[in-house]
Amino acid sequence: MDSKIIWEEIEHFSSYDEYKNFYDWLYKLKMNGLIELVPVKEYYAGQNLDEYWFKNQEGNIWRLVVPDFPFEGYWGPVCT
């Protein structure tokens, strides 16, 4: 698996299947040691939505917010 990953914001997922495929891809990266799951420090839209933070090999942290209708989910950098 290529360790050079391009990180791009996803403002919303077009379906739950799209989100699930993306989550499965992140899980594979995590299992291969290319990203790390880190604790959420400040929620994107409150604690009522499931959210995961991932740290990449450059030390940047990105958030994945699970879709919950009508919210369509989100993937993007954590601004600290």
C-alpha atoms as a PDB file:
ATOM      1  CA  MET A   1       0.000   0.000   0.000  1.00  0.00           C
ATOM      2  CA  ASP A   2       1.367   3.398  -1.008  1.00  0.00           C
ATOM      3  CA  SER A   3       2.304   5.454   2.059  1.00  0.00           C
ATOM      4  CA  LYS A   4       1.918   8.757   0.153  1.00  0.00           C
ATOM      5  CA  ILE A   5      -1.744   9.625   0.655  1.00  0.00           C
ATOM      6  CA  ILE A   6      -3.445  12.738  -0.689  1.00  0.00           C
ATOM      7  CA  TRP A   7      -5.751  14.189   1.955  1.00  0.00           C
ATOM      8  CA  GLU A   8      -8.752  16.084   0.543  1.00  0.00           C
ATOM      9  CA  GLU A   9     -11.817  17.445   2.296  1.00  0.00           C
ATOM     10  CA  ILE A  10     -15.164  15.733   1.715  1.00  0.00           C
ATOM     11  CA  GLU A  11     -17.953  18.176   2.577  1.00  0.00           C
ATOM     12  CA  HIS A  12     -20.612  15.460   2.514  1.00  0.00           C
ATOM     13  CA  PHE A  13     -21.122  11.862   1.472  1.00  0.00           C
ATOM     14  CA  SER A  14     -23.649  11.156  -1.289  1.00  0.00           C
ATOM     15  CA  SER A  15     -24.830   7.960   0.421  1.00  0.00           C
ATOM     16  CA  TYR A  16     -24.229   5.846   3.484  1.00  0.00           C
ATOM     17  CA  ASP A  17     -22.484   3.291   1.233  1.00  0.00           C
ATOM     18  CA  GLU A  18     -20.021   5.961   0.103  1.00  0.00           C
ATOM     19  CA  TYR A  19     -19.307   6.795   3.745  1.00  0.00           C
ATOM     20  CA  LYS A  20     -18.929   3.096   4.632  1.00  0.00           C
ATOM     21  CA  ASN A  21     -16.470   2.495   1.775  1.00  0.00           C
ATOM     22  CA  PHE A  22     -14.442   5.512   2.903  1.00  0.00           C
ATOM     23  CA  TYR A  23     -14.482   4.323   6.528  1.00  0.00           C
ATOM     24  CA  ASP A  24     -13.343   0.841   5.435  1.00  0.00           C
ATOM     25  CA  TRP A  25     -10.447   2.429   3.499  1.00  0.00           C
ATOM     26  CA  LEU A  26      -9.428   4.437   6.601  1.00  0.00           C
ATOM     27  CA  TYR A  27      -9.613   1.273   8.705  1.00  0.00           C
ATOM     28  CA  LYS A  28      -7.203  -0.489   6.306  1.00  0.00           C
ATOM     29  CA  LEU A  29      -4.805   2.461   6.540  1.00  0.00           C
ATOM     30  CA  LYS A  30      -4.990   2.268  10.326  1.00  0.00           C
ATOM     31  CA  MET A  31      -4.386  -1.489  10.359  1.00  0.00           C
ATOM     32  CA  ASN A  32      -1.317  -0.977   8.128  1.00  0.00           C
ATOM     33  CA  GLY A  33       0.089   1.664  10.499  1.00  0.00           C
ATOM     34  CA  LEU A  34      -0.289   4.535   8.020  1.00  0.00           C
ATOM     35  CA  ILE A  35      -2.693   6.520  10.195  1.00  0.00           C
ATOM     36  CA  GLU A  36      -3.495   6.542  13.896  1.00  0.00           C
ATOM     37  CA  LEU A  37      -6.844   6.941  15.658  1.00  0.00           C
ATOM     38  CA  VAL A  38      -6.593   9.723  18.247  1.00  0.00           C
ATOM     39  CA  PRO A  39      -9.079  11.022  20.850  1.00  0.00           C
ATOM     40  CA  VAL A  40     -11.619  13.646  19.785  1.00  0.00           C
ATOM     41  CA  LYS A  41     -10.927  16.874  21.672  1.00  0.00           C
ATOM     42  CA  GLU A  42     -13.635  19.149  20.244  1.00  0.00           C
ATOM     43  CA  TYR A  43     -16.642  17.882  18.327  1.00  0.00           C
ATOM     44  CA  TYR A  44     -17.527  19.277  14.889  1.00  0.00           C
ATOM     45  CA  ALA A  45     -21.292  19.354  15.497  1.00  0.00           C
ATOM     46  CA  GLY A  46     -21.641  18.362  19.133  1.00  0.00           C
ATOM     47  CA  GLN A  47     -21.438  15.007  20.848  1.00  0.00           C
ATOM     48  CA  ASN A  48     -24.736  13.898  19.334  1.00  0.00           C
ATOM     49  CA  LEU A  49     -22.925  12.808  16.131  1.00  0.00           C
ATOM     50  CA  ASP A  50     -20.337  10.027  16.026  1.00  0.00           C
ATOM     51  CA  GLU A  51     -16.909  11.407  15.186  1.00  0.00           C
ATOM     52  CA  TYR A  52     -13.419   9.961  14.798  1.00  0.00           C
ATOM     53  CA  TRP A  53     -10.078  11.739  14.549  1.00  0.00           C
ATOM     54  CA  PHE A  54      -7.127  10.334  12.615  1.00  0.00           C
ATOM     55  CA  LYS A  55      -3.504  11.466  12.622  1.00  0.00           C
ATOM     56  CA  ASN A  56      -1.535  10.953   9.416  1.00  0.00           C
ATOM     57  CA  GLN A  57       2.202  10.380   9.066  1.00  0.00           C
ATOM     58  CA  GLU A  58       2.834  14.131   8.710  1.00  0.00           C
ATOM     59  CA  GLY A  59       1.208  14.700  12.120  1.00  0.00           C
ATOM     60  CA  ASN A  60      -1.920  16.362  10.726  1.00  0.00           C
ATOM     61  CA  ILE A  61      -5.232  15.461  12.338  1.00  0.00           C
ATOM     62  CA  TRP A  62      -8.383  14.900  10.287  1.00  0.00           C
ATOM     63  CA  ARG A  63     -11.942  14.325  11.461  1.00  0.00           C
ATOM     64  CA  LEU A  64     -14.554  11.913  10.152  1.00  0.00           C
ATOM     65  CA  VAL A  65     -18.129  12.722  11.152  1.00  0.00           C
ATOM     66  CA  VAL A  66     -20.627   9.932  10.568  1.00  0.00           C
ATOM     67  CA  PRO A  67     -23.709  10.794   8.487  1.00  0.00           C
ATOM     68  CA  ASP A  68     -26.953  11.022  10.453  1.00  0.00           C
ATOM     69  CA  PHE A  69     -29.871  12.222   8.323  1.00  0.00           C
ATOM     70  CA  PRO A  70     -30.308  15.026   7.425  1.00  0.00           C
ATOM     71  CA  PHE A  71     -26.574  15.606   8.117  1.00  0.00           C
ATOM     72  CA  GLU A  72     -24.569  13.960   5.326  1.00  0.00           C
ATOM     73  CA  GLY A  73     -21.258  13.500   7.149  1.00  0.00           C
ATOM     74  CA  TYR A  74     -17.913  15.233   6.815  1.00  0.00           C
ATOM     75  CA  TRP A  75     -14.191  14.508   6.352  1.00  0.00           C
ATOM     76  CA  GLY A  76     -11.737  17.339   6.812  1.00  0.00           C
ATOM     77  CA  PRO A  77      -8.811  18.747   8.730  1.00  0.00           C
ATOM     78  CA  VAL A  78      -9.055  19.631  12.383  1.00  0.00           C
ATOM     79  CA  CYS A  79      -8.203  23.306  12.826  1.00  0.00           C
ATOM     80  CA  THR A  80      -6.229  23.692  16.037  1.00  0.00           C
END
